[in-house]
Amino acid sequence: MEVGLIWYLYKLNDVTCYVLTVPGLLKVLETFTPCVIFAFISNISLYQEQLALGWCVAVYAICFLLAAIVLMLNLGDCEYRLPILFPIFQLGLTLFFVRLYDSALVLWPLYQFDEKVGGQPQRSSDVTCSIMGDPNYYVCPWDQRLAVTVLTAINLLLYVADLVFWSCRVSVGTEDPPRGS
């Protein structure tokens, strides 16, 4: 009897969670991917020599922090306390993220793999990658560079999917049309 009463009071079958929606899942993935990127760029020698690579690290950090804030706004049901409509805010912010990740997707591989700007185009040209018998070996720097490149592309695709979602949401409208019209 008590379980039935609690079930009725909380209406657990009507509870919706933001992270179970398409934009929520995208936002979780958009914040998780930079965490993996940060693990790969923990070796600061990968980016300290070139200012453009420092920009890429800043892009990862800025987008991660802002996406985490948006996620917290949603989980705390505070998204409607913004001075503008939340879908428009999300659309603008996601467009900003896409632009930033566009630059990172161009600059990171360019400065990591192009010999003209000091990169190493082949794994075999990185002498630290040939030390496979070392017990301290985890991932060689060239593999880290490649992993960051792939993860940058994946996160850009996630942001593009998010941008498409919010574009459709804003262009169609965020409210249901009046009934009987």
C-alpha atoms as a PDB file:
ATOM      1  CA  MET A   1       0.000   0.000   0.000  1.00  0.00           C
ATOM      2  CA  GLU A   2       2.767   2.472   0.908  1.00  0.00           C
ATOM      3  CA  VAL A   3       4.738   1.709  -2.243  1.00  0.00           C
ATOM      4  CA  GLY A   4       1.643   2.317  -4.332  1.00  0.00           C
ATOM      5  CA  LEU A   5       1.047   5.634  -2.595  1.00  0.00           C
ATOM      6  CA  ILE A   6       4.645   6.760  -3.083  1.00  0.00           C
ATOM      7  CA  TRP A   7       4.488   5.651  -6.725  1.00  0.00           C
ATOM      8  CA  TYR A   8       1.331   7.703  -7.214  1.00  0.00           C
ATOM      9  CA  LEU A   9       2.691  10.781  -5.425  1.00  0.00           C
ATOM     10  CA  TYR A  10       5.919  10.944  -7.385  1.00  0.00           C
ATOM     11  CA  LYS A  11       4.429   9.751 -10.677  1.00  0.00           C
ATOM     12  CA  LEU A  12       7.638   8.006 -11.616  1.00  0.00           C
ATOM     13  CA  ASN A  13       6.274   7.043 -15.010  1.00  0.00           C
ATOM     14  CA  ASP A  14       6.003  10.751 -15.917  1.00  0.00           C
ATOM     15  CA  VAL A  15       9.514  11.709 -14.846  1.00  0.00           C
ATOM     16  CA  THR A  16      11.688  12.807 -17.732  1.00  0.00           C
ATOM     17  CA  CYS A  17      15.384  13.303 -17.419  1.00  0.00           C
ATOM     18  CA  TYR A  18      17.254  15.780 -19.584  1.00  0.00           C
ATOM     19  CA  VAL A  19      20.134  13.394 -20.267  1.00  0.00           C
ATOM     20  CA  LEU A  20      17.709  10.878 -21.779  1.00  0.00           C
ATOM     21  CA  THR A  21      16.678  13.324 -24.505  1.00  0.00           C
ATOM     22  CA  VAL A  22      18.547  13.872 -27.777  1.00  0.00           C
ATOM     23  CA  PRO A  23      19.998  17.261 -26.791  1.00  0.00           C
ATOM     24  CA  GLY A  24      20.827  15.930 -23.329  1.00  0.00           C
ATOM     25  CA  LEU A  25      22.670  12.915 -24.684  1.00  0.00           C
ATOM     26  CA  LEU A  26      24.531  15.109 -27.157  1.00  0.00           C
ATOM     27  CA  LYS A  27      25.505  17.511 -24.369  1.00  0.00           C
ATOM     28  CA  VAL A  28      26.799  14.644 -22.210  1.00  0.00           C
ATOM     29  CA  LEU A  29      28.875  13.334 -25.120  1.00  0.00           C
ATOM     30  CA  GLU A  30      30.084  16.864 -25.926  1.00  0.00           C
ATOM     31  CA  THR A  31      31.370  17.226 -22.366  1.00  0.00           C
ATOM     32  CA  PHE A  32      32.790  13.703 -22.122  1.00  0.00           C
ATOM     33  CA  THR A  33      34.855  13.888 -25.324  1.00  0.00           C
ATOM     34  CA  PRO A  34      37.022  16.811 -24.125  1.00  0.00           C
ATOM     35  CA  CYS A  35      37.702  14.882 -20.917  1.00  0.00           C
ATOM     36  CA  VAL A  36      39.287  12.167 -23.039  1.00  0.00           C
ATOM     37  CA  ILE A  37      41.094  14.832 -25.084  1.00  0.00           C
ATOM     38  CA  PHE A  38      42.474  16.333 -21.859  1.00  0.00           C
ATOM     39  CA  ALA A  39      43.867  12.920 -20.920  1.00  0.00           C
ATOM     40  CA  PHE A  40      45.721  12.768 -24.246  1.00  0.00           C
ATOM     41  CA  ILE A  41      47.058  16.331 -24.035  1.00  0.00           C
ATOM     42  CA  SER A  42      48.286  15.997 -20.470  1.00  0.00           C
ATOM     43  CA  ASN A  43      51.748  15.901 -22.066  1.00  0.00           C
ATOM     44  CA  ILE A  44      52.222  19.654 -22.557  1.00  0.00           C
ATOM     45  CA  SER A  45      55.081  19.130 -24.999  1.00  0.00           C
ATOM     46  CA  LEU A  46      52.392  18.332 -27.575  1.00  0.00           C
ATOM     47  CA  TYR A  47      51.256  21.941 -27.742  1.00  0.00           C
ATOM     48  CA  GLN A  48      53.603  24.285 -25.873  1.00  0.00           C
ATOM     49  CA  GLU A  49      55.828  25.044 -28.883  1.00  0.00           C
ATOM     50  CA  GLN A  50      53.120  26.462 -31.163  1.00  0.00           C
ATOM     51  CA  LEU A  51      50.685  29.245 -30.310  1.00  0.00           C
ATOM     52  CA  ALA A  52      48.080  27.733 -32.641  1.00  0.00           C
ATOM     53  CA  LEU A  53      48.131  24.497 -30.649  1.00  0.00           C
ATOM     54  CA  GLY A  54      47.655  26.489 -27.454  1.00  0.00           C
ATOM     55  CA  TRP A  55      44.588  27.983 -29.137  1.00  0.00           C
ATOM     56  CA  CYS A  56      43.262  24.460 -29.731  1.00  0.00           C
ATOM     57  CA  VAL A  57      43.701  23.596 -26.052  1.00  0.00           C
ATOM     58  CA  ALA A  58      41.868  26.814 -25.158  1.00  0.00           C
ATOM     59  CA  VAL A  59      39.045  25.801 -27.529  1.00  0.00           C
ATOM     60  CA  TYR A  60      38.734  22.421 -25.805  1.00  0.00           C
ATOM     61  CA  ALA A  61      38.666  24.074 -22.370  1.00  0.00           C
ATOM     62  CA  ILE A  62      36.214  26.868 -23.283  1.00  0.00           C
ATOM     63  CA  CYS A  63      33.772  24.541 -25.013  1.00  0.00           C
ATOM     64  CA  PHE A  64      34.012  21.992 -22.203  1.00  0.00           C
ATOM     65  CA  LEU A  65      33.307  24.553 -19.486  1.00  0.00           C
ATOM     66  CA  LEU A  66      30.405  26.211 -21.302  1.00  0.00           C
ATOM     67  CA  ALA A  67      28.848  22.862 -22.258  1.00  0.00           C
ATOM     68  CA  ALA A  68      29.157  21.692 -18.646  1.00  0.00           C
ATOM     69  CA  ILE A  69      27.440  24.886 -17.470  1.00  0.00           C
ATOM     70  CA  VAL A  70      24.583  24.321 -19.935  1.00  0.00           C
ATOM     71  CA  LEU A  71      24.298  20.731 -18.731  1.00  0.00           C
ATOM     72  CA  MET A  72      24.117  21.914 -15.124  1.00  0.00           C
ATOM     73  CA  LEU A  73      21.516  24.556 -16.038  1.00  0.00           C
ATOM     74  CA  ASN A  74      19.342  21.829 -17.505  1.00  0.00           C
ATOM     75  CA  LEU A  75      19.831  19.349 -14.706  1.00  0.00           C
ATOM     76  CA  GLY A  76      19.049  22.055 -12.154  1.00  0.00           C
ATOM     77  CA  ASP A  77      15.952  23.204 -14.060  1.00  0.00           C
ATOM     78  CA  CYS A  78      17.436  26.700 -14.309  1.00  0.00           C
ATOM     79  CA  GLU A  79      17.459  27.014 -18.097  1.00  0.00           C
ATOM     80  CA  TYR A  80      14.378  29.223 -18.118  1.00  0.00           C
ATOM     81  CA  ARG A  81      15.965  31.809 -15.851  1.00  0.00           C
ATOM     82  CA  LEU A  82      18.014  33.156 -18.743  1.00  0.00           C
ATOM     83  CA  PRO A  83      17.065  36.552 -20.209  1.00  0.00           C
ATOM     84  CA  ILE A  84      16.518  34.950 -23.642  1.00  0.00           C
ATOM     85  CA  LEU A  85      14.653  31.841 -24.703  1.00  0.00           C
ATOM     86  CA  PHE A  86      16.706  28.754 -23.939  1.00  0.00           C
ATOM     87  CA  PRO A  87      16.486  27.216 -27.451  1.00  0.00           C
ATOM     88  CA  ILE A  88      17.812  30.450 -28.972  1.00  0.00           C
ATOM     89  CA  PHE A  89      20.585  30.538 -26.361  1.00  0.00           C
ATOM     90  CA  GLN A  90      21.446  26.919 -27.167  1.00  0.00           C
ATOM     91  CA  LEU A  91      21.450  27.608 -30.899  1.00  0.00           C
ATOM     92  CA  GLY A  92      23.797  30.576 -30.554  1.00  0.00           C
ATOM     93  CA  LEU A  93      26.105  28.789 -28.143  1.00  0.00           C
ATOM     94  CA  THR A  94      26.234  25.659 -30.295  1.00  0.00           C
ATOM     95  CA  LEU A  95      27.024  27.746 -33.375  1.00  0.00           C
ATOM     96  CA  PHE A  96      29.856  29.322 -31.369  1.00  0.00           C
ATOM     97  CA  PHE A  97      31.112  25.845 -30.418  1.00  0.00           C
ATOM     98  CA  VAL A  98      31.012  24.686 -34.039  1.00  0.00           C
ATOM     99  CA  ARG A  99      33.046  27.702 -35.148  1.00  0.00           C
ATOM    100  CA  LEU A 100      35.638  27.102 -32.427  1.00  0.00           C
ATOM    101  CA  TYR A 101      35.919  23.393 -33.186  1.00  0.00           C
ATOM    102  CA  ASP A 102      36.204  24.207 -36.908  1.00  0.00           C
ATOM    103  CA  SER A 103      39.346  26.173 -36.141  1.00  0.00           C
ATOM    104  CA  ALA A 104      40.714  23.433 -33.871  1.00  0.00           C
ATOM    105  CA  LEU A 105      40.068  20.755 -36.488  1.00  0.00           C
ATOM    106  CA  VAL A 106      42.109  22.734 -39.008  1.00  0.00           C
ATOM    107  CA  LEU A 107      44.915  23.905 -36.718  1.00  0.00           C
ATOM    108  CA  TRP A 108      45.572  20.791 -34.610  1.00  0.00           C
ATOM    109  CA  PRO A 109      46.307  18.383 -37.514  1.00  0.00           C
ATOM    110  CA  LEU A 110      48.095  21.098 -39.489  1.00  0.00           C
ATOM    111  CA  TYR A 111      50.578  21.882 -36.737  1.00  0.00           C
ATOM    112  CA  GLN A 112      50.915  18.276 -35.553  1.00  0.00           C
ATOM    113  CA  PHE A 113      51.332  16.452 -38.863  1.00  0.00           C
ATOM    114  CA  ASP A 114      52.605  18.947 -41.477  1.00  0.00           C
ATOM    115  CA  GLU A 115      56.404  19.026 -41.747  1.00  0.00           C
ATOM    116  CA  LYS A 116      56.342  22.603 -43.078  1.00  0.00           C
ATOM    117  CA  VAL A 117      55.225  23.875 -39.672  1.00  0.00           C
ATOM    118  CA  GLY A 118      57.215  21.428 -37.538  1.00  0.00           C
ATOM    119  CA  GLY A 119      54.821  18.493 -37.403  1.00  0.00           C
ATOM    120  CA  GLN A 120      55.572  14.797 -37.830  1.00  0.00           C
ATOM    121  CA  PRO A 121      53.559  13.311 -40.691  1.00  0.00           C
ATOM    122  CA  GLN A 122      54.460   9.677 -39.981  1.00  0.00           C
ATOM    123  CA  ARG A 123      54.516   7.660 -36.815  1.00  0.00           C
ATOM    124  CA  SER A 124      57.919   6.262 -37.738  1.00  0.00           C
ATOM    125  CA  SER A 125      59.419   9.776 -37.634  1.00  0.00           C
ATOM    126  CA  ASP A 126      58.678   9.999 -33.888  1.00  0.00           C
ATOM    127  CA  VAL A 127      61.550   8.183 -32.160  1.00  0.00           C
ATOM    128  CA  THR A 128      59.637   7.925 -28.880  1.00  0.00           C
ATOM    129  CA  CYS A 129      57.101   5.653 -30.572  1.00  0.00           C
ATOM    130  CA  SER A 130      59.720   2.972 -31.191  1.00  0.00           C
ATOM    131  CA  ILE A 131      60.244   2.355 -27.457  1.00  0.00           C
ATOM    132  CA  MET A 132      57.582  -0.333 -27.174  1.00  0.00           C
ATOM    133  CA  GLY A 133      59.449  -2.478 -24.603  1.00  0.00           C
ATOM    134  CA  ASP A 134      59.556   0.310 -22.022  1.00  0.00           C
ATOM    135  CA  PRO A 135      57.390  -0.572 -18.972  1.00  0.00           C
ATOM    136  CA  ASN A 136      56.431   3.116 -18.677  1.00  0.00           C
ATOM    137  CA  TYR A 137      55.082   3.171 -22.245  1.00  0.00           C
ATOM    138  CA  TYR A 138      51.423   4.068 -22.483  1.00  0.00           C
ATOM    139  CA  VAL A 139      50.752   5.984 -25.666  1.00  0.00           C
ATOM    140  CA  CYS A 140      53.488   7.583 -27.725  1.00  0.00           C
ATOM    141  CA  PRO A 141      53.203  11.313 -28.553  1.00  0.00           C
ATOM    142  CA  TRP A 142      52.356  10.680 -32.210  1.00  0.00           C
ATOM    143  CA  ASP A 143      49.476   8.413 -31.183  1.00  0.00           C
ATOM    144  CA  GLN A 144      48.316  11.094 -28.742  1.00  0.00           C
ATOM    145  CA  ARG A 145      48.323  13.661 -31.539  1.00  0.00           C
ATOM    146  CA  LEU A 146      46.289  11.353 -33.752  1.00  0.00           C
ATOM    147  CA  ALA A 147      43.823  10.541 -30.963  1.00  0.00           C
ATOM    148  CA  VAL A 148      43.243  14.249 -30.279  1.00  0.00           C
ATOM    149  CA  THR A 149      42.667  14.841 -33.997  1.00  0.00           C
ATOM    150  CA  VAL A 150      40.087  12.042 -34.208  1.00  0.00           C
ATOM    151  CA  LEU A 151      38.356  13.143 -31.000  1.00  0.00           C
ATOM    152  CA  THR A 152      38.252  16.738 -32.240  1.00  0.00           C
ATOM    153  CA  ALA A 153      36.509  15.560 -35.411  1.00  0.00           C
ATOM    154  CA  ILE A 154      34.074  13.428 -33.408  1.00  0.00           C
ATOM    155  CA  ASN A 155      33.202  16.303 -31.096  1.00  0.00           C
ATOM    156  CA  LEU A 156      32.736  18.641 -34.051  1.00  0.00           C
ATOM    157  CA  LEU A 157      30.259  16.144 -35.519  1.00  0.00           C
ATOM    158  CA  LEU A 158      28.441  16.018 -32.181  1.00  0.00           C
ATOM    159  CA  TYR A 159      28.225  19.808 -32.122  1.00  0.00           C
ATOM    160  CA  VAL A 160      26.971  19.872 -35.727  1.00  0.00           C
ATOM    161  CA  ALA A 161      24.256  17.352 -34.820  1.00  0.00           C
ATOM    162  CA  ASP A 162      23.365  19.532 -31.832  1.00  0.00           C
ATOM    163  CA  LEU A 163      23.290  22.598 -34.096  1.00  0.00           C
ATOM    164  CA  VAL A 164      20.921  20.849 -36.507  1.00  0.00           C
ATOM    165  CA  PHE A 165      18.661  19.852 -33.616  1.00  0.00           C
ATOM    166  CA  TRP A 166      18.477  23.365 -32.171  1.00  0.00           C
ATOM    167  CA  SER A 167      18.109  24.934 -35.635  1.00  0.00           C
ATOM    168  CA  CYS A 168      15.076  22.769 -36.292  1.00  0.00           C
ATOM    169  CA  ARG A 169      13.714  23.466 -32.830  1.00  0.00           C
ATOM    170  CA  VAL A 170      14.054  27.238 -33.216  1.00  0.00           C
ATOM    171  CA  SER A 171      12.839  27.389 -36.829  1.00  0.00           C
ATOM    172  CA  VAL A 172       9.784  25.241 -36.137  1.00  0.00           C
ATOM    173  CA  GLY A 173       9.111  26.939 -32.827  1.00  0.00           C
ATOM    174  CA  THR A 174       9.389  25.853 -29.258  1.00  0.00           C
ATOM    175  CA  GLU A 175       5.712  25.881 -28.363  1.00  0.00           C
ATOM    176  CA  ASP A 176       2.880  23.705 -29.545  1.00  0.00           C
ATOM    177  CA  PRO A 177       0.568  25.413 -32.044  1.00  0.00           C
ATOM    178  CA  PRO A 178      -2.861  26.415 -30.697  1.00  0.00           C
ATOM    179  CA  ARG A 179      -5.454  23.664 -30.988  1.00  0.00           C
ATOM    180  CA  GLY A 180      -8.546  24.094 -33.109  1.00  0.00           C
ATOM    181  CA  SER A 181      -6.967  26.608 -35.503  1.00  0.00           C
END
